Amino acid sequence: DAFDFIKKQREDLKRFDILKEISREDEISLKVALMRIVNSLISSPKDINTRATIRFEFRENGFDNIVKKLGGNGEDDELGIQIQLYRTDQKVDAEEMQKVTKAVLPNAG
């Protein structure tokens, strides 16, 4: 995919390193666009396992901390909406994964 191509061209260690780099920019519109891209990448697959894998990649790349930093200042409504969407979808996916795990492993916590 495009992120794999960019990773190879830039010799990044991880697939979404370029997005992490963009998060350091001061421009609010870039931060909003970043969160829109992240949310789209995570939420577009219908399959919970695919969404969980993508979300895991973002978490491994430090995006939970980035989202905390982006959301801490309340400087833009659209950015706040995108951050809330990220957090809400994360919670919904966690609940869905828990249901899947219980269906497969009924004795699991």
N, C-alpha and C. Protein backbone atom coordinates (compact mmCIF):
# COMPACT_ATOMS: atom_id res chain seq x y z
N ASP A 1 0.84 -1.19 0.00
CA ASP A 1 0.00 0.00 0.00
C ASP A 1 0.87 1.25 0.00
N ALA A 2 0.26 2.40 -0.02
CA ALA A 2 0.99 3.67 -0.13
C ALA A 2 1.92 3.89 1.05
N PHE A 3 1.49 3.53 2.25
CA PHE A 3 2.33 3.75 3.42
C PHE A 3 3.55 2.83 3.42
N ASP A 4 3.39 1.63 2.90
CA ASP A 4 4.55 0.74 2.76
C ASP A 4 5.54 1.32 1.75
N PHE A 5 5.03 1.88 0.66
CA PHE A 5 5.88 2.50 -0.35
C PHE A 5 6.66 3.68 0.26
N ILE A 6 5.95 4.55 0.98
CA ILE A 6 6.59 5.71 1.61
C ILE A 6 7.64 5.26 2.62
N LYS A 7 7.30 4.25 3.41
CA LYS A 7 8.25 3.71 4.40
C LYS A 7 9.54 3.28 3.71
N LYS A 8 9.39 2.56 2.61
CA LYS A 8 10.56 2.07 1.89
C LYS A 8 11.36 3.23 1.29
N GLN A 9 10.67 4.19 0.67
CA GLN A 9 11.35 5.32 0.04
C GLN A 9 12.10 6.18 1.05
N ARG A 10 11.49 6.39 2.22
CA ARG A 10 12.11 7.23 3.25
C ARG A 10 13.02 6.44 4.18
N GLU A 11 13.00 5.12 4.03
CA GLU A 11 13.76 4.22 4.91
C GLU A 11 13.34 4.39 6.37
N ASP A 12 12.02 4.55 6.56
CA ASP A 12 11.45 4.62 7.90
C ASP A 12 11.46 3.23 8.53
N LEU A 13 11.41 3.19 9.85
CA LEU A 13 11.36 1.92 10.55
C LEU A 13 9.95 1.32 10.56
N LYS A 14 8.95 2.19 10.67
CA LYS A 14 7.57 1.73 10.77
C LYS A 14 6.73 2.37 9.67
N ARG A 15 5.65 1.69 9.35
CA ARG A 15 4.79 2.09 8.23
C ARG A 15 4.19 3.49 8.39
N PHE A 16 3.85 3.89 9.60
CA PHE A 16 3.17 5.18 9.79
C PHE A 16 4.07 6.26 10.38
N ASP A 17 5.39 6.11 10.23
CA ASP A 17 6.33 7.10 10.77
C ASP A 17 6.08 8.50 10.19
N ILE A 18 5.71 8.58 8.93
CA ILE A 18 5.48 9.89 8.33
C ILE A 18 4.31 10.62 9.01
N LEU A 19 3.30 9.88 9.44
CA LEU A 19 2.18 10.50 10.14
C LEU A 19 2.62 11.01 11.51
N LYS A 20 3.49 10.26 12.15
CA LYS A 20 4.03 10.70 13.44
C LYS A 20 4.80 12.01 13.26
N GLU A 21 5.53 12.10 12.18
CA GLU A 21 6.29 13.31 11.87
C GLU A 21 5.35 14.50 11.66
N ILE A 22 4.26 14.28 10.94
CA ILE A 22 3.29 15.35 10.69
C ILE A 22 2.68 15.85 11.99
N SER A 23 2.52 14.98 12.97
CA SER A 23 1.90 15.38 14.24
C SER A 23 2.71 16.44 14.98
N ARG A 24 3.97 16.58 14.63
CA ARG A 24 4.83 17.56 15.30
C ARG A 24 4.69 18.97 14.72
N GLU A 25 3.98 19.09 13.62
CA GLU A 25 3.79 20.39 12.98
C GLU A 25 2.87 21.27 13.84
N ASP A 26 3.06 22.58 13.73
CA ASP A 26 2.26 23.52 14.52
C ASP A 26 0.92 23.86 13.87
N GLU A 27 0.80 23.67 12.58
CA GLU A 27 -0.40 24.05 11.84
C GLU A 27 -1.59 23.17 12.22
N ILE A 28 -2.65 23.80 12.71
CA ILE A 28 -3.84 23.08 13.17
C ILE A 28 -4.47 22.29 12.02
N SER A 29 -4.53 22.87 10.84
CA SER A 29 -5.16 22.16 9.71
C SER A 29 -4.44 20.85 9.41
N LEU A 30 -3.12 20.82 9.59
CA LEU A 30 -2.37 19.57 9.39
C LEU A 30 -2.72 18.55 10.46
N LYS A 31 -2.90 19.00 11.67
CA LYS A 31 -3.25 18.09 12.77
C LYS A 31 -4.66 17.52 12.57
N VAL A 32 -5.57 18.35 12.10
CA VAL A 32 -6.93 17.87 11.80
C VAL A 32 -6.87 16.84 10.68
N ALA A 33 -6.13 17.16 9.62
CA ALA A 33 -6.00 16.23 8.50
C ALA A 33 -5.35 14.92 8.94
N LEU A 34 -4.35 15.02 9.80
CA LEU A 34 -3.70 13.82 10.34
C LEU A 34 -4.70 12.92 11.05
N MET A 35 -5.51 13.51 11.92
CA MET A 35 -6.48 12.72 12.67
C MET A 35 -7.55 12.15 11.75
N ARG A 36 -7.92 12.88 10.71
CA ARG A 36 -8.88 12.34 9.74
C ARG A 36 -8.30 11.12 9.03
N ILE A 37 -7.04 11.21 8.64
CA ILE A 37 -6.38 10.09 7.97
C ILE A 37 -6.30 8.89 8.91
N VAL A 38 -5.85 9.12 10.12
CA VAL A 38 -5.73 8.04 11.11
C VAL A 38 -7.09 7.38 11.33
N ASN A 39 -8.12 8.19 11.57
CA ASN A 39 -9.46 7.64 11.80
C ASN A 39 -9.96 6.87 10.59
N SER A 40 -9.71 7.38 9.40
CA SER A 40 -10.14 6.68 8.19
C SER A 40 -9.42 5.35 8.03
N LEU A 41 -8.13 5.34 8.27
CA LEU A 41 -7.37 4.10 8.13
C LEU A 41 -7.83 3.04 9.12
N ILE A 42 -8.13 3.47 10.33
CA ILE A 42 -8.54 2.51 11.36
C ILE A 42 -9.97 2.05 11.16
N SER A 43 -10.86 2.95 10.84
CA SER A 43 -12.29 2.60 10.83
C SER A 43 -12.79 2.03 9.50
N SER A 44 -12.03 2.16 8.42
CA SER A 44 -12.55 1.70 7.13
C SER A 44 -12.69 0.19 6.99
N PRO A 45 -11.80 -0.63 7.55
CA PRO A 45 -12.02 -2.09 7.40
C PRO A 45 -13.25 -2.55 8.18
N LYS A 46 -14.03 -3.41 7.57
CA LYS A 46 -15.22 -3.95 8.25
C LYS A 46 -14.83 -4.99 9.30
N ASP A 47 -13.75 -5.70 9.05
CA ASP A 47 -13.31 -6.78 9.92
C ASP A 47 -12.63 -6.23 11.18
N ILE A 48 -13.10 -6.65 12.34
CA ILE A 48 -12.55 -6.18 13.61
C ILE A 48 -11.07 -6.55 13.76
N ASN A 49 -10.68 -7.71 13.26
CA ASN A 49 -9.27 -8.12 13.38
C ASN A 49 -8.35 -7.19 12.59
N THR A 50 -8.79 -6.78 11.42
CA THR A 50 -8.00 -5.85 10.61
C THR A 50 -7.91 -4.50 11.31
N ARG A 51 -9.05 -4.01 11.82
CA ARG A 51 -9.04 -2.73 12.54
C ARG A 51 -8.12 -2.81 13.76
N ALA A 52 -8.18 -3.91 14.49
CA ALA A 52 -7.35 -4.07 15.68
C ALA A 52 -5.86 -4.10 15.31
N THR A 53 -5.54 -4.72 14.20
CA THR A 53 -4.14 -4.77 13.75
C THR A 53 -3.63 -3.38 13.39
N ILE A 54 -4.44 -2.63 12.67
CA ILE A 54 -4.04 -1.26 12.30
C ILE A 54 -3.93 -0.39 13.55
N ARG A 55 -4.91 -0.50 14.42
CA ARG A 55 -4.87 0.29 15.66
C ARG A 55 -3.62 -0.07 16.48
N PHE A 56 -3.27 -1.35 16.53
CA PHE A 56 -2.07 -1.78 17.25
C PHE A 56 -0.83 -1.13 16.66
N GLU A 57 -0.75 -1.07 15.33
CA GLU A 57 0.39 -0.40 14.68
C GLU A 57 0.50 1.05 15.12
N PHE A 58 -0.63 1.74 15.16
CA PHE A 58 -0.62 3.13 15.60
C PHE A 58 -0.19 3.24 17.06
N ARG A 59 -0.71 2.37 17.89
CA ARG A 59 -0.34 2.40 19.32
C ARG A 59 1.14 2.13 19.50
N GLU A 60 1.67 1.16 18.74
CA GLU A 60 3.10 0.84 18.81
C GLU A 60 3.96 2.01 18.35
N ASN A 61 3.39 2.86 17.52
CA ASN A 61 4.10 4.02 17.00
C ASN A 61 3.89 5.26 17.88
N GLY A 62 3.25 5.09 19.03
CA GLY A 62 3.09 6.18 19.98
C GLY A 62 1.90 7.09 19.75
N PHE A 63 0.92 6.65 18.95
CA PHE A 63 -0.19 7.54 18.62
C PHE A 63 -1.13 7.82 19.78
N ASP A 64 -1.22 6.93 20.74
CA ASP A 64 -2.07 7.24 21.90
C ASP A 64 -1.52 8.47 22.63
N ASN A 65 -0.20 8.54 22.77
CA ASN A 65 0.42 9.72 23.41
C ASN A 65 0.27 10.96 22.54
N ILE A 66 0.40 10.79 21.24
CA ILE A 66 0.24 11.91 20.32
C ILE A 66 -1.18 12.47 20.42
N VAL A 67 -2.16 11.58 20.46
CA VAL A 67 -3.56 12.01 20.56
C VAL A 67 -3.78 12.76 21.88
N LYS A 68 -3.18 12.28 22.96
CA LYS A 68 -3.29 13.00 24.25
C LYS A 68 -2.74 14.41 24.13
N LYS A 69 -1.59 14.54 23.51
CA LYS A 69 -0.97 15.86 23.35
C LYS A 69 -1.80 16.77 22.44
N LEU A 70 -2.32 16.21 21.36
CA LEU A 70 -3.13 16.99 20.43
C LEU A 70 -4.43 17.46 21.07
N GLY A 71 -4.99 16.61 21.93
CA GLY A 71 -6.29 16.90 22.50
C GLY A 71 -6.26 17.72 23.78
N GLY A 72 -5.10 17.99 24.28
CA GLY A 72 -4.99 18.66 25.57
C GLY A 72 -5.19 20.15 25.57
N ASN A 73 -5.22 20.78 24.40
CA ASN A 73 -5.26 22.24 24.39
C ASN A 73 -6.59 22.85 23.96
N GLY A 74 -7.49 22.07 23.37
CA GLY A 74 -8.81 22.57 22.99
C GLY A 74 -8.78 23.74 22.03
N GLU A 75 -7.75 23.80 21.17
CA GLU A 75 -7.60 24.97 20.30
C GLU A 75 -8.44 24.92 19.03
N ASP A 76 -9.05 23.77 18.71
CA ASP A 76 -9.82 23.68 17.48
C ASP A 76 -10.94 22.67 17.65
N ASP A 77 -12.17 23.08 17.29
CA ASP A 77 -13.33 22.20 17.44
C ASP A 77 -13.23 20.96 16.56
N GLU A 78 -12.81 21.13 15.30
CA GLU A 78 -12.72 19.99 14.39
C GLU A 78 -11.68 18.99 14.87
N LEU A 79 -10.57 19.49 15.37
CA LEU A 79 -9.55 18.61 15.92
C LEU A 79 -10.11 17.84 17.11
N GLY A 80 -10.85 18.52 17.96
CA GLY A 80 -11.49 17.87 19.11
C GLY A 80 -12.47 16.79 18.68
N ILE A 81 -13.21 17.05 17.62
CA ILE A 81 -14.16 16.06 17.09
C ILE A 81 -13.41 14.82 16.60
N GLN A 82 -12.33 15.03 15.88
CA GLN A 82 -11.55 13.90 15.35
C GLN A 82 -10.90 13.09 16.47
N ILE A 83 -10.43 13.77 17.50
CA ILE A 83 -9.83 13.08 18.64
C ILE A 83 -10.90 12.29 19.39
N GLN A 84 -12.06 12.86 19.57
CA GLN A 84 -13.15 12.15 20.23
C GLN A 84 -13.57 10.93 19.42
N LEU A 85 -13.62 11.07 18.11
CA LEU A 85 -13.95 9.94 17.24
C LEU A 85 -12.91 8.83 17.39
N TYR A 86 -11.63 9.18 17.43
CA TYR A 86 -10.56 8.21 17.63
C TYR A 86 -10.79 7.43 18.94
N ARG A 87 -11.06 8.16 20.00
CA ARG A 87 -11.25 7.53 21.32
C ARG A 87 -12.52 6.68 21.38
N THR A 88 -13.60 7.19 20.80
CA THR A 88 -14.86 6.45 20.79
C THR A 88 -14.73 5.16 20.00
N ASP A 89 -14.16 5.25 18.80
CA ASP A 89 -13.96 4.05 17.98
C ASP A 89 -13.04 3.05 18.67
N GLN A 90 -12.05 3.55 19.38
CA GLN A 90 -11.14 2.69 20.12
C GLN A 90 -11.91 1.90 21.19
N LYS A 91 -12.79 2.57 21.88
CA LYS A 91 -13.60 1.91 22.91
C LYS A 91 -14.55 0.88 22.29
N VAL A 92 -15.21 1.26 21.21
CA VAL A 92 -16.14 0.36 20.53
C VAL A 92 -15.41 -0.88 20.02
N ASP A 93 -14.24 -0.68 19.42
CA ASP A 93 -13.46 -1.82 18.92
C ASP A 93 -13.01 -2.72 20.07
N ALA A 94 -12.63 -2.14 21.20
CA ALA A 94 -12.21 -2.95 22.35
C ALA A 94 -13.37 -3.81 22.84
N GLU A 95 -14.56 -3.22 22.88
CA GLU A 95 -15.74 -3.98 23.30
C GLU A 95 -16.06 -5.10 22.31
N GLU A 96 -15.94 -4.80 21.02
CA GLU A 96 -16.20 -5.82 20.00
C GLU A 96 -15.16 -6.95 20.08
N MET A 97 -13.90 -6.59 20.29
CA MET A 97 -12.86 -7.62 20.41
C MET A 97 -13.11 -8.49 21.64
N GLN A 98 -13.61 -7.90 22.70
CA GLN A 98 -13.92 -8.66 23.91
C GLN A 98 -15.04 -9.67 23.62
N LYS A 99 -16.04 -9.26 22.87
CA LYS A 99 -17.13 -10.17 22.49
C LYS A 99 -16.62 -11.31 21.63
N VAL A 100 -15.75 -10.99 20.68
CA VAL A 100 -15.19 -12.01 19.80
C VAL A 100 -14.37 -13.00 20.62
N THR A 101 -13.57 -12.49 21.53
CA THR A 101 -12.75 -13.35 22.38
C THR A 101 -13.62 -14.27 23.23
N LYS A 102 -14.68 -13.73 23.79
CA LYS A 102 -15.58 -14.56 24.62
C LYS A 102 -16.29 -15.62 23.78
N ALA A 103 -16.60 -15.28 22.53
CA ALA A 103 -17.27 -16.26 21.66
C ALA A 103 -16.32 -17.40 21.31
N VAL A 104 -15.05 -17.07 21.11
CA VAL A 104 -14.07 -18.08 20.74
C VAL A 104 -13.56 -18.84 21.97
N LEU A 105 -13.36 -18.10 23.05
CA LEU A 105 -12.85 -18.68 24.30
C LEU A 105 -13.84 -18.36 25.42
N PRO A 106 -14.91 -19.14 25.55
CA PRO A 106 -15.98 -18.82 26.52
C PRO A 106 -15.50 -18.67 27.96
N ASN A 107 -14.43 -19.31 28.34
CA ASN A 107 -13.94 -19.22 29.71
C ASN A 107 -12.95 -18.09 29.92
N ALA A 108 -12.68 -17.31 28.89
CA ALA A 108 -11.74 -16.19 29.01
C ALA A 108 -12.41 -15.04 29.76
N GLY A 109 -11.63 -14.40 30.65
CA GLY A 109 -12.04 -13.29 31.51
C GLY A 109 -13.10 -12.47 30.96
